[in-house]
Structures are given as C-alpha cells and as structure tokens.
Amino acid sequence: MQKIETNSLREISPSGVLSKPLLDAGKARVMQLSLDAGQAVAPCQMPFLVLYYFIEGQGQILMGDEKAEFQPGSLVAVPAGSVRSISASHQTRVLAVQIP
C-alpha cells in the first residue's frame, strides 16, 4: 500500500504550471497539476485515457470542440488520442490519472 497526502502538496508557481508525479503503478500513473489563476495547460494529446479529478479551483477543460467548467469535486474523463487543455480562473489543483 502507498498513501499520498495531497493536502500537503499546495505549491503554486507564478511562472507556470507545476506537474508533480505522485505514483507510478506500472501501467497507471498519477500526477498532480497545480495552476495559478490565469494559467493554462497548453493543448496536448495523450495516447491513453486520462481521468482528471479537480481537488480545488475553478476553470475550464477543453477537449476538441467540447468545453466543461470544473470546480472542486469535478471528475472529467478524456479518451485516448483526444486533444485537451485546462485553464484556471482560480488557483487549481487537479489529479491526472493516466490509464493505458
């Protein structure tokens, strides 16, 4: 068993999005993304399913022509091969679970 306390991982960088690997469990990986208000994850395409669980913050996640607002507790699934981006209107922390 491996336990990770995400409440202690609150670092925000004014110079850009922080990406912190939390767990590599063979095929699945978990990362925490931290964004300051006004920051964004540039559009990118992943070769696997990614589940985004928003711990705190507000903003938008875009996938192709689809747009969804997020808030604490939002869970968004983005299929493999889809182009996505995230923009934060408030300080945001999100867990990204990558599943091949």
Protein backbone atom coordinates (compact mmCIF):
# COMPACT_ATOMS: atom_id res chain seq x y z
CA MET A 1 0.00 0.00 0.00
CA GLN A 2 1.17 3.51 -0.73
CA LYS A 3 -0.50 6.55 0.83
CA ILE A 4 -0.04 10.08 -0.50
CA GLU A 5 -1.37 13.15 1.31
CA THR A 6 -2.27 15.63 -1.43
CA ASN A 7 -3.37 18.28 1.10
CA SER A 8 0.28 18.99 1.84
CA LEU A 9 1.07 19.50 -1.86
CA ARG A 10 -0.11 23.07 -2.34
CA GLU A 11 2.85 24.69 -4.09
CA ILE A 12 1.87 27.11 -6.87
CA SER A 13 4.37 28.72 -9.24
CA PRO A 14 3.71 32.18 -10.66
CA SER A 15 5.97 31.28 -13.60
CA GLY A 16 3.98 28.29 -14.88
CA VAL A 17 2.03 25.11 -14.30
CA LEU A 18 3.62 22.65 -11.86
CA SER A 19 3.38 18.95 -12.64
CA LYS A 20 4.34 16.60 -9.79
CA PRO A 21 4.44 12.81 -10.29
CA LEU A 22 2.76 11.11 -7.32
CA LEU A 23 2.56 7.45 -8.25
CA ASP A 24 3.75 5.13 -11.00
CA ALA A 25 1.92 1.84 -10.57
CA GLY A 26 3.19 0.02 -13.63
CA LYS A 27 0.57 0.84 -16.22
CA ALA A 28 -1.29 3.63 -14.40
CA ARG A 29 0.34 6.92 -13.40
CA VAL A 30 -0.95 9.69 -11.13
CA MET A 31 0.26 13.28 -11.30
CA GLN A 32 -0.84 16.45 -9.56
CA LEU A 33 -1.09 19.58 -11.67
CA SER A 34 -1.04 22.94 -9.87
CA LEU A 35 -2.13 26.09 -11.68
CA ASP A 36 -2.34 29.68 -10.52
CA ALA A 37 -5.29 31.81 -11.59
CA GLY A 38 -4.89 32.69 -15.26
CA GLN A 39 -2.50 29.81 -16.03
CA ALA A 40 -3.28 27.06 -18.54
CA VAL A 41 -2.09 23.64 -19.63
CA ALA A 42 -1.42 24.03 -23.35
CA PRO A 43 -3.36 21.78 -25.73
CA CYS A 44 -1.84 18.32 -25.76
CA GLN A 45 -2.72 14.84 -26.94
CA MET A 46 -2.19 11.78 -24.77
CA PRO A 47 -2.07 8.21 -26.10
CA PHE A 48 -4.13 6.94 -23.13
CA LEU A 49 -7.29 7.67 -21.15
CA VAL A 50 -6.79 10.44 -18.58
CA LEU A 51 -9.11 10.99 -15.61
CA TYR A 52 -8.91 14.50 -14.15
CA TYR A 53 -10.15 14.92 -10.58
CA PHE A 54 -10.27 18.57 -9.52
CA ILE A 55 -9.27 18.91 -5.85
CA GLU A 56 -9.65 22.69 -5.73
CA GLY A 57 -10.11 25.63 -8.06
CA GLN A 58 -12.33 26.63 -10.94
CA GLY A 59 -11.88 26.97 -14.66
CA GLN A 60 -12.45 25.15 -17.92
CA ILE A 61 -11.27 21.98 -19.58
CA LEU A 62 -11.46 21.84 -23.36
CA MET A 63 -11.49 18.70 -25.48
CA GLY A 64 -11.81 19.31 -29.20
CA ASP A 65 -14.96 21.41 -29.60
CA GLU A 66 -16.30 20.44 -26.15
CA LYS A 67 -15.90 22.70 -23.12
CA ALA A 68 -16.71 21.90 -19.49
CA GLU A 69 -16.50 24.11 -16.41
CA PHE A 70 -14.85 22.48 -13.41
CA GLN A 71 -14.99 23.08 -9.67
CA PRO A 72 -13.79 21.12 -6.62
CA GLY A 73 -15.07 17.56 -6.88
CA SER A 74 -15.42 17.55 -10.69
CA LEU A 75 -14.23 14.40 -12.46
CA VAL A 76 -13.58 14.55 -16.20
CA ALA A 77 -12.63 11.58 -18.42
CA VAL A 78 -10.72 12.38 -21.62
CA PRO A 79 -10.38 9.48 -24.09
CA ALA A 80 -7.04 8.39 -25.50
CA GLY A 81 -5.93 10.41 -28.51
CA SER A 82 -8.08 13.45 -27.69
CA VAL A 83 -6.54 16.93 -27.65
CA ARG A 84 -7.24 18.67 -24.36
CA SER A 85 -6.30 21.83 -22.45
CA ILE A 86 -7.06 23.18 -18.97
CA SER A 87 -7.37 26.83 -17.98
CA ALA A 88 -7.71 28.01 -14.38
CA SER A 89 -9.71 31.05 -13.29
CA HIS A 90 -8.71 30.41 -9.63
CA GLN A 91 -5.78 28.56 -8.03
CA THR A 92 -6.32 24.97 -9.04
CA ARG A 93 -5.04 21.55 -8.06
CA VAL A 94 -6.00 18.54 -10.14
CA LEU A 95 -5.09 14.87 -10.06
CA ALA A 96 -4.42 13.42 -13.51
CA VAL A 97 -4.71 9.62 -13.63
CA GLN A 98 -3.23 8.22 -16.84
CA ILE A 99 -4.55 4.78 -17.79
CA PRO A 100 -3.21 2.93 -20.87
